[in-house]
Amino acid sequence: MNEIYSAIYDRLTSQLAESVYDHVPQDLNENNYPFVRVDSLEINNNDVDDKTGFSATIQIVGFSRYRGVKEVSNIADSVYNSLNRFNFPDTSNYGISGIEETIRKIIVQSDGLTRNSVQRYELNFEPLPI
């Protein structure tokens, strides 16, 4: 499953102007905003009669310190344009047959400074024949 995660992470790092992290450093400097964090995959069995398949959900979170929602909304749009219905090439072990955004929301954190875009994407994939 790491290949699926890596394909998503690589796609975002190649398409976005913002830094992309899978673990945000605790000592992140104010100058490093805005940025994007890719959370882990949640995998579900999605077998059909004659094939093993999976569905997965992945959450992508944008971070901004801009006082309005313009910047974080632009980040969310960039993530959407990079991932939604993108035709991922097969990895060495899996074929990704689809990825679509299912949820998007903008949140202002309790510090009053940080804004987040929270997006969830649903993926369908299956192991490739050996």
N, C-alpha and C. Protein backbone atom coordinates (compact mmCIF):
# COMPACT_ATOMS: atom_id res chain seq x y z
N MET A 1 0.82 -1.20 0.00
CA MET A 1 0.00 0.00 0.00
C MET A 1 0.86 1.27 0.00
N ASN A 2 2.11 1.12 0.42
CA ASN A 2 2.99 2.28 0.43
C ASN A 2 3.18 2.86 -0.96
N GLU A 3 3.09 2.00 -1.99
CA GLU A 3 3.22 2.49 -3.36
C GLU A 3 2.09 3.45 -3.72
N ILE A 4 0.90 3.18 -3.22
CA ILE A 4 -0.25 4.05 -3.49
C ILE A 4 -0.02 5.40 -2.81
N TYR A 5 0.38 5.34 -1.53
CA TYR A 5 0.65 6.57 -0.79
C TYR A 5 1.76 7.37 -1.49
N SER A 6 2.81 6.69 -1.89
CA SER A 6 3.93 7.37 -2.56
C SER A 6 3.50 8.02 -3.86
N ALA A 7 2.62 7.35 -4.61
CA ALA A 7 2.13 7.93 -5.87
C ALA A 7 1.38 9.23 -5.63
N ILE A 8 0.56 9.26 -4.59
CA ILE A 8 -0.19 10.47 -4.24
C ILE A 8 0.76 11.57 -3.78
N TYR A 9 1.66 11.21 -2.87
CA TYR A 9 2.63 12.17 -2.34
C TYR A 9 3.48 12.75 -3.47
N ASP A 10 3.98 11.89 -4.35
CA ASP A 10 4.82 12.35 -5.46
C ASP A 10 4.04 13.26 -6.41
N ARG A 11 2.78 12.92 -6.66
CA ARG A 11 1.95 13.76 -7.54
C ARG A 11 1.80 15.16 -6.92
N LEU A 12 1.52 15.23 -5.64
CA LEU A 12 1.35 16.54 -5.00
C LEU A 12 2.65 17.34 -4.98
N THR A 13 3.77 16.69 -4.65
CA THR A 13 5.03 17.44 -4.60
C THR A 13 5.43 17.95 -5.97
N SER A 14 5.03 17.24 -7.02
CA SER A 14 5.39 17.69 -8.37
C SER A 14 4.47 18.79 -8.90
N GLN A 15 3.27 18.92 -8.32
CA GLN A 15 2.27 19.84 -8.86
C GLN A 15 2.06 21.11 -8.03
N LEU A 16 2.32 21.05 -6.74
CA LEU A 16 2.00 22.18 -5.85
C LEU A 16 3.20 23.10 -5.65
N ALA A 17 2.91 24.39 -5.50
CA ALA A 17 3.95 25.36 -5.18
C ALA A 17 4.34 25.27 -3.70
N GLU A 18 3.40 24.81 -2.85
CA GLU A 18 3.64 24.71 -1.41
C GLU A 18 4.44 23.46 -1.08
N SER A 19 5.13 23.50 0.05
CA SER A 19 5.83 22.31 0.55
C SER A 19 4.79 21.26 0.93
N VAL A 20 5.14 20.00 0.73
CA VAL A 20 4.26 18.89 1.06
C VAL A 20 4.98 18.02 2.09
N TYR A 21 4.28 17.71 3.19
CA TYR A 21 4.85 16.90 4.26
C TYR A 21 3.96 15.70 4.53
N ASP A 22 4.57 14.62 5.00
CA ASP A 22 3.78 13.54 5.57
C ASP A 22 3.91 13.57 7.10
N HIS A 23 4.86 14.35 7.58
CA HIS A 23 5.01 14.64 9.01
C HIS A 23 5.53 16.07 9.10
N VAL A 24 4.74 16.94 9.71
CA VAL A 24 5.12 18.35 9.79
C VAL A 24 6.13 18.53 10.93
N PRO A 25 7.29 19.10 10.65
CA PRO A 25 8.29 19.32 11.70
C PRO A 25 7.73 20.20 12.82
N GLN A 26 8.03 19.85 14.07
CA GLN A 26 7.53 20.64 15.20
C GLN A 26 8.13 22.03 15.25
N ASP A 27 9.33 22.18 14.74
CA ASP A 27 10.00 23.48 14.78
C ASP A 27 9.81 24.26 13.48
N LEU A 28 8.70 24.01 12.80
CA LEU A 28 8.42 24.67 11.53
C LEU A 28 8.37 26.18 11.71
N ASN A 29 9.12 26.88 10.90
CA ASN A 29 9.22 28.33 10.95
C ASN A 29 7.99 28.97 10.32
N GLU A 30 7.63 30.14 10.79
CA GLU A 30 6.51 30.90 10.24
C GLU A 30 6.66 31.12 8.74
N ASN A 31 7.89 31.21 8.27
CA ASN A 31 8.15 31.42 6.84
C ASN A 31 7.82 30.20 5.98
N ASN A 32 7.57 29.04 6.62
CA ASN A 32 7.27 27.83 5.87
C ASN A 32 5.78 27.69 5.52
N TYR A 33 4.96 28.62 5.99
CA TYR A 33 3.54 28.63 5.60
C TYR A 33 3.41 29.30 4.26
N PRO A 34 2.50 28.91 3.42
CA PRO A 34 1.57 27.79 3.54
C PRO A 34 2.25 26.47 3.19
N PHE A 35 1.63 25.37 3.62
CA PHE A 35 2.13 24.04 3.29
C PHE A 35 0.96 23.06 3.30
N VAL A 36 1.26 21.83 2.88
CA VAL A 36 0.25 20.78 2.78
C VAL A 36 0.76 19.54 3.51
N ARG A 37 -0.15 18.88 4.23
CA ARG A 37 0.18 17.62 4.91
C ARG A 37 -0.67 16.50 4.30
N VAL A 38 -0.03 15.38 4.01
CA VAL A 38 -0.72 14.21 3.48
C VAL A 38 -0.83 13.20 4.63
N ASP A 39 -2.06 12.87 5.02
CA ASP A 39 -2.28 11.91 6.10
C ASP A 39 -2.26 10.48 5.56
N SER A 40 -2.28 9.52 6.45
CA SER A 40 -2.16 8.12 6.04
C SER A 40 -3.44 7.62 5.36
N LEU A 41 -3.29 6.53 4.61
CA LEU A 41 -4.41 5.89 3.93
C LEU A 41 -5.24 5.07 4.90
N GLU A 42 -6.54 5.11 4.72
CA GLU A 42 -7.44 4.19 5.41
C GLU A 42 -7.92 3.20 4.36
N ILE A 43 -7.58 1.93 4.52
CA ILE A 43 -7.83 0.91 3.50
C ILE A 43 -9.07 0.08 3.86
N ASN A 44 -9.90 -0.18 2.86
CA ASN A 44 -11.07 -1.04 3.02
C ASN A 44 -11.08 -2.08 1.91
N ASN A 45 -11.55 -3.28 2.25
CA ASN A 45 -11.68 -4.34 1.26
C ASN A 45 -12.79 -3.97 0.28
N ASN A 46 -12.55 -4.17 -1.00
CA ASN A 46 -13.54 -3.85 -2.03
C ASN A 46 -13.50 -4.94 -3.11
N ASP A 47 -13.51 -6.21 -2.67
CA ASP A 47 -13.45 -7.33 -3.60
C ASP A 47 -14.72 -7.43 -4.43
N VAL A 48 -14.57 -7.95 -5.62
CA VAL A 48 -15.70 -8.37 -6.43
C VAL A 48 -15.56 -9.88 -6.63
N ASP A 49 -16.52 -10.51 -7.31
CA ASP A 49 -16.55 -11.97 -7.39
C ASP A 49 -15.22 -12.61 -7.78
N ASP A 50 -14.57 -12.07 -8.79
CA ASP A 50 -13.36 -12.73 -9.30
C ASP A 50 -12.08 -11.94 -9.11
N LYS A 51 -12.13 -10.82 -8.38
CA LYS A 51 -10.93 -9.99 -8.22
C LYS A 51 -10.83 -9.47 -6.79
N THR A 52 -9.60 -9.36 -6.34
CA THR A 52 -9.32 -8.70 -5.07
C THR A 52 -9.16 -7.22 -5.34
N GLY A 53 -9.86 -6.41 -4.59
CA GLY A 53 -9.76 -4.97 -4.78
C GLY A 53 -9.84 -4.24 -3.45
N PHE A 54 -9.50 -2.99 -3.49
CA PHE A 54 -9.50 -2.18 -2.28
C PHE A 54 -10.07 -0.80 -2.60
N SER A 55 -10.63 -0.19 -1.58
CA SER A 55 -10.91 1.24 -1.65
C SER A 55 -10.13 1.86 -0.50
N ALA A 56 -9.77 3.10 -0.66
CA ALA A 56 -9.00 3.78 0.37
C ALA A 56 -9.45 5.23 0.45
N THR A 57 -9.32 5.78 1.62
CA THR A 57 -9.57 7.20 1.84
C THR A 57 -8.26 7.82 2.29
N ILE A 58 -7.96 8.98 1.73
CA ILE A 58 -6.79 9.72 2.17
C ILE A 58 -7.21 11.17 2.42
N GLN A 59 -6.67 11.75 3.46
CA GLN A 59 -6.98 13.14 3.81
C GLN A 59 -5.77 14.01 3.52
N ILE A 60 -6.03 15.14 2.87
CA ILE A 60 -5.00 16.13 2.55
C ILE A 60 -5.39 17.41 3.27
N VAL A 61 -4.45 17.98 4.05
CA VAL A 61 -4.74 19.17 4.83
C VAL A 61 -3.81 20.29 4.41
N GLY A 62 -4.39 21.43 4.02
CA GLY A 62 -3.62 22.62 3.70
C GLY A 62 -3.54 23.52 4.92
N PHE A 63 -2.43 24.20 5.10
CA PHE A 63 -2.22 25.10 6.24
C PHE A 63 -1.84 26.48 5.72
N SER A 64 -2.48 27.50 6.27
CA SER A 64 -2.20 28.88 5.88
C SER A 64 -2.27 29.77 7.10
N ARG A 65 -1.50 30.85 7.09
CA ARG A 65 -1.59 31.87 8.13
C ARG A 65 -2.12 33.20 7.56
N TYR A 66 -2.56 33.16 6.32
CA TYR A 66 -3.20 34.33 5.70
C TYR A 66 -4.49 34.60 6.46
N ARG A 67 -4.79 35.86 6.73
CA ARG A 67 -5.92 36.23 7.59
C ARG A 67 -7.30 35.91 7.01
N GLY A 68 -7.40 35.77 5.73
CA GLY A 68 -8.68 35.39 5.13
C GLY A 68 -8.64 33.94 4.67
N VAL A 69 -9.61 33.57 3.85
CA VAL A 69 -9.66 32.19 3.36
C VAL A 69 -9.17 32.05 1.92
N LYS A 70 -8.75 33.15 1.31
CA LYS A 70 -8.33 33.10 -0.09
C LYS A 70 -7.17 32.13 -0.30
N GLU A 71 -6.12 32.25 0.49
CA GLU A 71 -4.93 31.43 0.29
C GLU A 71 -5.23 29.95 0.52
N VAL A 72 -5.92 29.62 1.60
CA VAL A 72 -6.19 28.22 1.89
C VAL A 72 -7.18 27.64 0.87
N SER A 73 -8.07 28.45 0.36
CA SER A 73 -8.98 28.00 -0.70
C SER A 73 -8.21 27.72 -1.99
N ASN A 74 -7.23 28.56 -2.29
CA ASN A 74 -6.39 28.32 -3.47
C ASN A 74 -5.58 27.04 -3.32
N ILE A 75 -5.11 26.76 -2.11
CA ILE A 75 -4.38 25.51 -1.85
C ILE A 75 -5.31 24.32 -2.12
N ALA A 76 -6.52 24.39 -1.59
CA ALA A 76 -7.49 23.30 -1.79
C ALA A 76 -7.78 23.10 -3.28
N ASP A 77 -7.92 24.19 -4.01
CA ASP A 77 -8.15 24.07 -5.46
C ASP A 77 -6.96 23.42 -6.16
N SER A 78 -5.75 23.77 -5.74
CA SER A 78 -4.55 23.18 -6.34
C SER A 78 -4.47 21.69 -6.05
N VAL A 79 -4.81 21.30 -4.84
CA VAL A 79 -4.83 19.87 -4.49
C VAL A 79 -5.86 19.15 -5.36
N TYR A 80 -7.04 19.73 -5.46
CA TYR A 80 -8.11 19.16 -6.28
C TYR A 80 -7.66 18.99 -7.73
N ASN A 81 -7.09 20.04 -8.29
CA ASN A 81 -6.64 19.99 -9.69
C ASN A 81 -5.53 18.96 -9.90
N SER A 82 -4.77 18.68 -8.86
CA SER A 82 -3.68 17.69 -8.95
C SER A 82 -4.17 16.25 -8.82
N LEU A 83 -5.20 16.03 -8.00
CA LEU A 83 -5.59 14.67 -7.68
C LEU A 83 -6.91 14.20 -8.29
N ASN A 84 -7.93 15.06 -8.26
CA ASN A 84 -9.26 14.59 -8.62
C ASN A 84 -9.31 14.04 -10.04
N ARG A 85 -9.69 12.77 -10.14
CA ARG A 85 -9.81 12.05 -11.41
C ARG A 85 -8.51 11.98 -12.21
N PHE A 86 -7.38 12.16 -11.53
CA PHE A 86 -6.09 12.00 -12.18
C PHE A 86 -5.91 10.54 -12.55
N ASN A 87 -5.41 10.28 -13.73
CA ASN A 87 -5.19 8.93 -14.20
C ASN A 87 -3.79 8.47 -13.77
N PHE A 88 -3.68 7.95 -12.56
CA PHE A 88 -2.40 7.50 -12.04
C PHE A 88 -1.89 6.33 -12.86
N PRO A 89 -0.60 6.32 -13.18
CA PRO A 89 -0.04 5.12 -13.82
C PRO A 89 -0.01 3.98 -12.80
N ASP A 90 0.01 2.76 -13.29
CA ASP A 90 0.13 1.61 -12.39
C ASP A 90 1.44 1.70 -11.62
N THR A 91 1.40 1.28 -10.36
CA THR A 91 2.64 1.11 -9.61
C THR A 91 3.17 -0.28 -9.96
N SER A 92 4.21 -0.73 -9.32
CA SER A 92 4.73 -2.05 -9.65
C SER A 92 3.79 -3.16 -9.19
N ASN A 93 2.91 -2.88 -8.23
CA ASN A 93 2.02 -3.91 -7.70
C ASN A 93 0.52 -3.61 -7.80
N TYR A 94 0.15 -2.34 -8.05
CA TYR A 94 -1.26 -1.97 -8.01
C TYR A 94 -1.65 -1.11 -9.21
N GLY A 95 -2.90 -1.25 -9.58
CA GLY A 95 -3.51 -0.38 -10.57
C GLY A 95 -4.53 0.50 -9.88
N ILE A 96 -4.42 1.81 -10.03
CA ILE A 96 -5.37 2.74 -9.41
C ILE A 96 -6.42 3.07 -10.46
N SER A 97 -7.66 2.70 -10.19
CA SER A 97 -8.70 2.91 -11.19
C SER A 97 -9.50 4.18 -10.98
N GLY A 98 -9.30 4.88 -9.88
CA GLY A 98 -10.02 6.13 -9.69
C GLY A 98 -9.65 6.82 -8.40
N ILE A 99 -9.76 8.16 -8.42
CA ILE A 99 -9.59 8.98 -7.23
C ILE A 99 -10.50 10.18 -7.37
N GLU A 100 -11.33 10.41 -6.34
CA GLU A 100 -12.27 11.54 -6.38
C GLU A 100 -12.38 12.19 -5.01
N GLU A 101 -12.50 13.51 -5.03
CA GLU A 101 -12.71 14.25 -3.79
C GLU A 101 -14.11 13.95 -3.27
N THR A 102 -14.22 13.65 -1.97
CA THR A 102 -15.52 13.38 -1.37
C THR A 102 -15.94 14.44 -0.36
N ILE A 103 -14.97 15.10 0.25
CA ILE A 103 -15.27 16.13 1.26
C ILE A 103 -14.23 17.24 1.15
N ARG A 104 -14.71 18.47 1.32
CA ARG A 104 -13.80 19.63 1.43
C ARG A 104 -14.40 20.60 2.42
N LYS A 105 -13.58 21.06 3.35
CA LYS A 105 -14.03 22.09 4.29
C LYS A 105 -12.86 22.98 4.66
N ILE A 106 -13.19 24.20 5.06
CA ILE A 106 -12.21 25.17 5.53
C ILE A 106 -12.46 25.38 7.02
N ILE A 107 -11.39 25.34 7.80
CA ILE A 107 -11.49 25.46 9.25
C ILE A 107 -10.53 26.54 9.72
N VAL A 108 -10.96 27.34 10.70
CA VAL A 108 -10.07 28.28 11.38
C VAL A 108 -9.72 27.64 12.72
N GLN A 109 -8.42 27.48 12.99
CA GLN A 109 -7.98 26.86 14.23
C GLN A 109 -8.20 27.77 15.42
N SER A 110 -8.15 27.20 16.61
CA SER A 110 -8.43 27.95 17.85
C SER A 110 -7.42 29.07 18.10
N ASP A 111 -6.24 29.02 17.47
CA ASP A 111 -5.28 30.11 17.65
C ASP A 111 -5.72 31.37 16.91
N GLY A 112 -6.74 31.26 16.06
CA GLY A 112 -7.26 32.40 15.31
C GLY A 112 -6.38 32.81 14.13
N LEU A 113 -5.23 32.18 13.98
CA LEU A 113 -4.29 32.53 12.91
C LEU A 113 -4.25 31.50 11.79
N THR A 114 -4.34 30.24 12.15
CA THR A 114 -4.14 29.17 11.19
C THR A 114 -5.46 28.76 10.56
N ARG A 115 -5.45 28.69 9.24
CA ARG A 115 -6.59 28.19 8.49
C ARG A 115 -6.19 26.88 7.84
N ASN A 116 -7.14 25.95 7.80
CA ASN A 116 -6.90 24.65 7.18
C ASN A 116 -7.95 24.38 6.12
N SER A 117 -7.49 23.79 5.03
CA SER A 117 -8.40 23.15 4.10
C SER A 117 -8.28 21.66 4.38
N VAL A 118 -9.40 21.00 4.56
CA VAL A 118 -9.41 19.57 4.82
C VAL A 118 -10.16 18.91 3.67
N GLN A 119 -9.46 18.03 2.96
CA GLN A 119 -10.05 17.35 1.81
C GLN A 119 -9.86 15.85 1.97
N ARG A 120 -10.89 15.11 1.63
CA ARG A 120 -10.78 13.65 1.62
C ARG A 120 -11.00 13.16 0.21
N TYR A 121 -10.20 12.17 -0.15
CA TYR A 121 -10.27 11.57 -1.47
C TYR A 121 -10.50 10.07 -1.32
N GLU A 122 -11.36 9.55 -2.16
CA GLU A 122 -11.65 8.12 -2.22
C GLU A 122 -10.92 7.53 -3.42
N LEU A 123 -10.19 6.45 -3.20
CA LEU A 123 -9.45 5.77 -4.27
C LEU A 123 -9.97 4.34 -4.41
N ASN A 124 -9.92 3.85 -5.62
CA ASN A 124 -10.18 2.44 -5.88
C ASN A 124 -8.96 1.88 -6.58
N PHE A 125 -8.51 0.70 -6.13
CA PHE A 125 -7.33 0.09 -6.73
C PHE A 125 -7.37 -1.40 -6.53
N GLU A 126 -6.56 -2.09 -7.30
CA GLU A 126 -6.48 -3.55 -7.20
C GLU A 126 -5.06 -4.00 -7.47
N PRO A 127 -4.69 -5.16 -6.91
CA PRO A 127 -3.37 -5.72 -7.20
C PRO A 127 -3.26 -6.07 -8.68
N LEU A 128 -2.11 -5.85 -9.24
CA LEU A 128 -1.88 -6.24 -10.64
C LEU A 128 -1.58 -7.73 -10.69
N PRO A 129 -1.91 -8.40 -11.80
CA PRO A 129 -1.58 -9.83 -11.91
C PRO A 129 -0.08 -10.04 -11.82
N ILE A 130 0.29 -11.12 -11.23
CA ILE A 130 1.72 -11.42 -11.08
C ILE A 130 2.25 -12.02 -12.36
